[in-house]
Amino acid sequence: ADAACRIAKQVGYLNAGTVEFILEGGEFYFLEMNTRLQVEHPVTEMTTGLDLVAEQIRIAEGEPLSFGETPPAPRGWAIEARVLAEDPAAGFMPSLGRIERVRFPQGPGVRNDAGVYRGFEVPVYYDSLLAKLVVWAGDRDGARRRMLRALDEYVLEGVSHNLSFHRWLLAHPEFVAGNLST
């Protein structure tokens, strides 16, 4: 976080944005800076309690950030699953059609950001992102288990989607153990 703030200050950037790093061998290296909110911003919102869109509007109106100079420290873990109109069994090929039925999971620590509904037509010219399912818990395994429960409650019929892929990934022994690398 300190390195990201130093980079933004060095170039005089004042707005919402994301500074990305890559971790290798215990060292982290600058990758890129995106001068906008990213698809993953709900993860930050759920771990900090901030509304990043509201903060961005405050900045645009010339107001100070709601939290002053020091953002709140992240707490707990959040995981985001991008729900895509793609078929994992067919090499993640795009899926078109009409959403016949949809039911989003609910409960404490569960957030759905979606722009689809029953009857929605996934068109030929589309972004495959249908929704974002984000969960929060006090620790990584709690978030992983909450996401598995939420995925089991998710109903999406009419188009192929990647919900089963997320279930597979979250239950994979390497993911469970946290053996991840970029």
Protein backbone atom coordinates (compact mmCIF):
# COMPACT_ATOMS: atom_id res chain seq x y z
CA ALA A 1 0.00 0.00 0.00
CA ASP A 2 2.83 2.39 0.84
CA ALA A 3 4.55 1.71 -2.50
CA ALA A 4 1.27 2.26 -4.38
CA CYS A 5 0.70 5.59 -2.63
CA ARG A 6 4.28 6.70 -3.35
CA ILE A 7 3.84 5.90 -7.04
CA ALA A 8 0.57 7.84 -7.26
CA LYS A 9 2.07 10.84 -5.44
CA GLN A 10 5.20 10.76 -7.59
CA VAL A 11 3.15 11.26 -10.76
CA GLY A 12 0.68 13.66 -9.13
CA TYR A 13 -2.29 11.32 -9.51
CA LEU A 14 -5.37 12.22 -7.50
CA ASN A 15 -8.30 9.87 -8.01
CA ALA A 16 -9.26 6.24 -7.62
CA GLY A 17 -6.88 3.82 -9.23
CA THR A 18 -5.07 0.55 -8.86
CA VAL A 19 -1.35 -0.03 -8.73
CA GLU A 20 -0.47 -3.63 -9.56
CA PHE A 21 2.60 -5.51 -8.45
CA ILE A 22 3.89 -9.01 -9.08
CA LEU A 23 5.28 -11.12 -6.27
CA GLU A 24 8.22 -13.40 -7.00
CA GLY A 25 10.63 -15.01 -4.57
CA GLY A 26 9.43 -12.88 -1.69
CA GLU A 27 10.07 -9.64 -3.60
CA PHE A 28 7.43 -7.50 -5.28
CA TYR A 29 7.83 -5.55 -8.49
CA PHE A 30 5.77 -2.80 -10.10
CA LEU A 31 3.60 -4.07 -12.97
CA GLU A 32 1.20 -1.29 -13.96
CA MET A 33 -1.10 1.46 -12.76
CA ASN A 34 -4.74 1.61 -13.85
CA THR A 35 -6.25 5.07 -13.44
CA ARG A 36 -9.77 3.80 -12.84
CA LEU A 37 -11.70 1.43 -10.67
CA GLN A 38 -11.18 -2.15 -11.70
CA VAL A 39 -13.57 -5.08 -11.86
CA GLU A 40 -12.08 -6.32 -8.57
CA HIS A 41 -12.84 -3.14 -6.61
CA PRO A 42 -15.54 -4.86 -4.49
CA VAL A 43 -12.76 -6.95 -2.90
CA THR A 44 -11.13 -3.75 -1.63
CA GLU A 45 -14.50 -2.38 -0.55
CA MET A 46 -15.32 -5.50 1.45
CA THR A 47 -11.94 -5.65 3.19
CA THR A 48 -11.75 -1.93 4.00
CA GLY A 49 -15.40 -0.98 4.45
CA LEU A 50 -14.97 1.86 1.97
CA ASP A 51 -17.31 2.74 -0.89
CA LEU A 52 -14.73 3.45 -3.60
CA VAL A 53 -17.28 4.88 -6.03
CA ALA A 54 -18.42 7.37 -3.38
CA GLU A 55 -14.79 8.26 -2.65
CA GLN A 56 -14.17 8.84 -6.36
CA ILE A 57 -17.18 11.17 -6.53
CA ARG A 58 -15.91 13.06 -3.47
CA ILE A 59 -12.57 13.60 -5.23
CA ALA A 60 -14.31 14.81 -8.41
CA GLU A 61 -16.31 17.31 -6.32
CA GLY A 62 -13.09 18.64 -4.77
CA GLU A 63 -13.88 17.13 -1.36
CA PRO A 64 -11.32 15.36 0.81
CA LEU A 65 -11.37 11.61 1.20
CA SER A 66 -13.71 10.46 3.96
CA PHE A 67 -10.88 8.74 5.82
CA GLY A 68 -8.24 11.49 5.68
CA GLU A 69 -4.64 10.73 4.75
CA THR A 70 -4.56 7.14 6.03
CA PRO A 71 -6.95 4.58 4.55
CA PRO A 72 -8.40 1.97 6.87
CA ALA A 73 -6.31 -1.18 7.24
CA PRO A 74 -7.75 -4.16 5.38
CA ARG A 75 -9.45 -6.74 7.57
CA GLY A 76 -10.33 -10.32 6.78
CA TRP A 77 -10.35 -11.92 3.35
CA ALA A 78 -12.50 -11.37 0.26
CA ILE A 79 -12.74 -13.54 -2.84
CA GLU A 80 -14.36 -12.54 -6.13
CA ALA A 81 -15.76 -14.93 -8.72
CA ARG A 82 -16.49 -13.42 -12.10
CA VAL A 83 -19.60 -15.09 -13.47
CA LEU A 84 -19.06 -15.32 -17.21
CA ALA A 85 -21.20 -16.47 -20.13
CA GLU A 86 -18.57 -19.01 -21.13
CA ASP A 87 -18.48 -22.79 -21.24
CA PRO A 88 -15.44 -24.22 -19.40
CA ALA A 89 -16.15 -27.69 -20.85
CA ALA A 90 -15.77 -26.26 -24.37
CA GLY A 91 -12.51 -24.41 -23.82
CA PHE A 92 -14.29 -21.38 -22.32
CA MET A 93 -16.10 -20.64 -25.55
CA PRO A 94 -18.60 -17.75 -25.32
CA SER A 95 -22.22 -18.59 -24.69
CA LEU A 96 -25.11 -16.64 -26.14
CA GLY A 97 -28.80 -16.81 -25.44
CA ARG A 98 -31.53 -15.85 -23.02
CA ILE A 99 -31.25 -16.12 -19.26
CA GLU A 100 -34.25 -18.23 -18.32
CA ARG A 101 -33.74 -18.29 -14.57
CA VAL A 102 -31.42 -16.53 -12.15
CA ARG A 103 -31.19 -16.55 -8.36
CA PHE A 104 -28.32 -14.84 -6.63
CA PRO A 105 -26.90 -16.18 -3.37
CA GLN A 106 -27.48 -14.12 -0.25
CA GLY A 107 -26.44 -13.85 3.36
CA PRO A 108 -23.87 -12.17 5.57
CA GLY A 109 -20.60 -11.46 3.78
CA VAL A 110 -22.09 -12.11 0.31
CA ARG A 111 -22.28 -9.42 -2.39
CA ASN A 112 -23.67 -9.67 -5.91
CA ASP A 113 -22.86 -7.05 -8.54
CA ALA A 114 -24.95 -8.03 -11.53
CA GLY A 115 -26.55 -6.49 -14.57
CA VAL A 116 -28.54 -9.51 -15.68
CA TYR A 117 -32.03 -10.72 -14.95
CA ARG A 118 -34.53 -13.34 -16.09
CA GLY A 119 -35.20 -12.69 -19.77
CA PHE A 120 -31.88 -10.91 -20.37
CA GLU A 121 -30.46 -11.70 -23.81
CA VAL A 122 -26.70 -12.26 -23.93
CA PRO A 123 -26.05 -10.73 -27.36
CA VAL A 124 -23.52 -11.50 -30.06
CA TYR A 125 -21.62 -8.30 -29.25
CA TYR A 126 -21.10 -8.57 -25.52
CA ASP A 127 -18.77 -8.58 -22.61
CA SER A 128 -18.87 -12.09 -21.19
CA LEU A 129 -19.09 -10.74 -17.64
CA LEU A 130 -22.62 -11.33 -16.36
CA ALA A 131 -22.06 -10.73 -12.67
CA LYS A 132 -19.51 -10.60 -9.87
CA LEU A 133 -19.99 -12.69 -6.77
CA VAL A 134 -17.87 -11.47 -3.86
CA VAL A 135 -17.66 -12.92 -0.38
CA TRP A 136 -15.93 -11.81 2.82
CA ALA A 137 -14.90 -13.70 5.95
CA GLY A 138 -12.43 -13.23 8.78
CA ASP A 139 -9.84 -15.54 7.25
CA ARG A 140 -8.95 -17.08 3.89
CA ASP A 141 -10.47 -20.48 4.48
CA GLY A 142 -13.65 -18.91 5.83
CA ALA A 143 -13.93 -16.83 2.65
CA ARG A 144 -13.23 -19.89 0.51
CA ARG A 145 -15.91 -21.92 2.27
CA ARG A 146 -18.40 -19.04 2.11
CA MET A 147 -17.76 -18.73 -1.63
CA LEU A 148 -18.36 -22.46 -2.12
CA ARG A 149 -21.68 -22.15 -0.27
CA ALA A 150 -22.65 -19.09 -2.32
CA LEU A 151 -21.77 -20.86 -5.57
CA ASP A 152 -23.93 -23.80 -4.53
CA GLU A 153 -26.87 -21.40 -4.02
CA TYR A 154 -26.35 -19.62 -7.35
CA VAL A 155 -28.89 -20.48 -10.05
CA LEU A 156 -28.26 -19.40 -13.64
CA GLU A 157 -30.09 -21.15 -16.46
CA GLY A 158 -30.37 -20.49 -20.18
CA VAL A 159 -26.73 -19.88 -21.06
CA SER A 160 -23.55 -21.78 -20.33
CA HIS A 161 -21.52 -20.25 -17.51
CA ASN A 162 -18.43 -20.83 -15.42
CA LEU A 163 -19.97 -21.43 -11.96
CA SER A 164 -18.84 -25.08 -11.98
CA PHE A 165 -15.30 -23.99 -12.83
CA HIS A 166 -15.24 -21.74 -9.74
CA ARG A 167 -16.49 -24.63 -7.58
CA TRP A 168 -13.74 -26.88 -8.98
CA LEU A 169 -11.05 -24.26 -8.45
CA LEU A 170 -12.05 -23.43 -4.86
CA ALA A 171 -12.05 -27.13 -3.93
CA HIS A 172 -8.74 -27.91 -5.67
CA PRO A 173 -6.12 -29.06 -3.12
CA GLU A 174 -3.52 -26.57 -4.36
CA PHE A 175 -5.96 -23.68 -3.95
CA VAL A 176 -7.10 -24.94 -0.53
CA ALA A 177 -3.45 -25.12 0.59
CA GLY A 178 -2.74 -21.64 -0.77
CA ASN A 179 -0.05 -22.89 -3.14
CA LEU A 180 -0.52 -20.10 -5.65
CA SER A 181 1.90 -18.25 -7.87
CA THR A 182 1.74 -15.74 -10.66
